[in-house]
Amino acid sequence: MAIIKQFDKRSGITYVYDSKSYYDKEKKCSRAKRTLIGRIDPESGEIVPTDGRNKGSKSKSVTPSPDADKDKLIRRLKDENHQLKLQIVALKKDIRTKP
């Protein structure tokens, strides 16, 4: 088991993989199985865990369970919506001020 860093030239992101070697009897050579751990944060140099390519989008959908407190869910969604609106306003202001 080894940790491998791989730099993606297109995006400029360095990804970190866990590599496990095994022997393939059919091809009679050694192979490696890689599992994505995360990517390296360029500012701090720490490994930021990721869930792979678009794997989390299906599991992160908001589906309240029957026991969930609906008021908390509504408050959280309103807060997220408010934060997104503030970001949109700030970006529009930045676009207008740039020559």
Protein backbone atom coordinates (compact mmCIF):
# COMPACT_ATOMS: atom_id res chain seq x y z
CA MET A 1 0.00 0.00 0.00
CA ALA A 2 1.43 3.33 -1.10
CA ILE A 3 0.21 6.90 -1.45
CA ILE A 4 0.67 8.33 -4.95
CA LYS A 5 0.36 11.98 -6.00
CA GLN A 6 -0.71 12.64 -9.60
CA PHE A 7 -0.80 16.13 -11.15
CA ASP A 8 -3.56 16.88 -13.69
CA LYS A 9 -2.21 19.34 -16.28
CA ARG A 10 -5.65 20.34 -17.57
CA SER A 11 -7.09 21.43 -14.24
CA GLY A 12 -3.87 22.11 -12.32
CA ILE A 13 -5.01 19.91 -9.42
CA THR A 14 -2.85 17.30 -7.72
CA TYR A 15 -4.83 14.20 -6.80
CA VAL A 16 -3.82 11.69 -4.12
CA TYR A 17 -4.42 7.95 -4.57
CA ASP A 18 -3.99 4.86 -2.41
CA SER A 19 -2.25 2.26 -4.57
CA LYS A 20 -2.34 -1.47 -3.79
CA SER A 21 -0.21 -3.85 -5.85
CA TYR A 22 -1.22 -7.40 -6.73
CA TYR A 23 -0.02 -10.15 -9.06
CA ASP A 24 -2.18 -10.97 -12.09
CA LYS A 25 -1.82 -14.70 -12.78
CA GLU A 26 -3.39 -14.55 -16.25
CA LYS A 27 -1.11 -11.82 -17.59
CA LYS A 28 1.80 -12.95 -15.41
CA CYS A 29 2.74 -9.48 -14.24
CA SER A 30 2.10 -7.18 -11.34
CA ARG A 31 -0.79 -4.72 -11.43
CA ALA A 32 -1.95 -1.86 -9.23
CA LYS A 33 -5.39 -0.99 -7.95
CA ARG A 34 -5.78 2.75 -7.18
CA THR A 35 -8.39 4.32 -4.95
CA LEU A 36 -8.93 8.08 -4.87
CA ILE A 37 -8.29 9.60 -1.45
CA GLY A 38 -8.63 13.28 -2.30
CA ARG A 39 -6.75 16.24 -3.69
CA ILE A 40 -4.06 18.53 -2.33
CA ASP A 41 -5.07 22.03 -1.27
CA PRO A 42 -2.63 24.41 -3.02
CA GLU A 43 -2.63 26.95 -0.16
CA SER A 44 -2.12 24.69 2.85
CA GLY A 45 -0.68 21.59 1.18
CA GLU A 46 -3.10 19.34 3.08
CA ILE A 47 -5.11 16.48 1.55
CA VAL A 48 -8.79 17.40 1.09
CA PRO A 49 -10.96 14.27 0.87
CA THR A 50 -13.17 13.93 -2.20
CA ASP A 51 -15.81 11.37 -3.09
CA GLY A 52 -14.68 10.74 -6.65
CA ARG A 53 -16.12 12.00 -9.87
CA ASN A 54 -19.69 13.18 -9.31
CA LYS A 55 -20.49 10.32 -6.93
CA GLY A 56 -21.85 12.53 -4.16
CA SER A 57 -24.47 14.33 -6.21
CA LYS A 58 -26.97 11.46 -5.95
CA SER A 59 -26.46 10.76 -2.26
CA LYS A 60 -26.58 14.41 -1.12
CA SER A 61 -30.12 15.12 -2.24
CA VAL A 62 -32.34 16.48 0.49
CA THR A 63 -34.99 13.90 1.34
CA PRO A 64 -36.52 14.41 4.74
CA SER A 65 -37.31 11.32 6.74
CA PRO A 66 -40.67 11.09 8.52
CA ASP A 67 -38.96 11.76 11.85
CA ALA A 68 -36.96 14.77 10.63
CA ASP A 69 -37.72 18.14 12.14
CA LYS A 70 -39.20 20.02 9.20
CA ASP A 71 -38.65 23.43 10.76
CA LYS A 72 -34.89 22.83 11.00
CA LEU A 73 -34.80 21.67 7.39
CA ILE A 74 -36.73 24.74 6.21
CA ARG A 75 -34.45 27.08 8.20
CA ARG A 76 -31.33 25.43 6.76
CA LEU A 77 -32.61 25.66 3.19
CA LYS A 78 -33.59 29.33 3.66
CA ASP A 79 -30.13 30.07 5.03
CA GLU A 80 -28.43 28.34 2.07
CA ASN A 81 -30.70 30.26 -0.32
CA HIS A 82 -29.85 33.56 1.41
CA GLN A 83 -26.12 32.86 1.21
CA LEU A 84 -26.40 32.09 -2.52
CA LYS A 85 -28.30 35.33 -3.12
CA LEU A 86 -25.59 37.30 -1.32
CA GLN A 87 -22.92 35.67 -3.47
CA ILE A 88 -24.85 36.51 -6.65
CA VAL A 89 -25.18 40.15 -5.60
CA ALA A 90 -21.46 40.38 -4.80
CA LEU A 91 -20.49 38.80 -8.14
CA LYS A 92 -22.76 41.16 -10.06
CA LYS A 93 -21.20 44.11 -8.23
CA ASP A 94 -17.69 42.85 -9.14
CA ILE A 95 -18.68 42.48 -12.80
CA ARG A 96 -20.05 46.05 -12.93
CA THR A 97 -16.93 47.60 -11.33
CA LYS A 98 -14.44 45.89 -13.67
CA PRO A 99 -13.58 47.91 -16.82
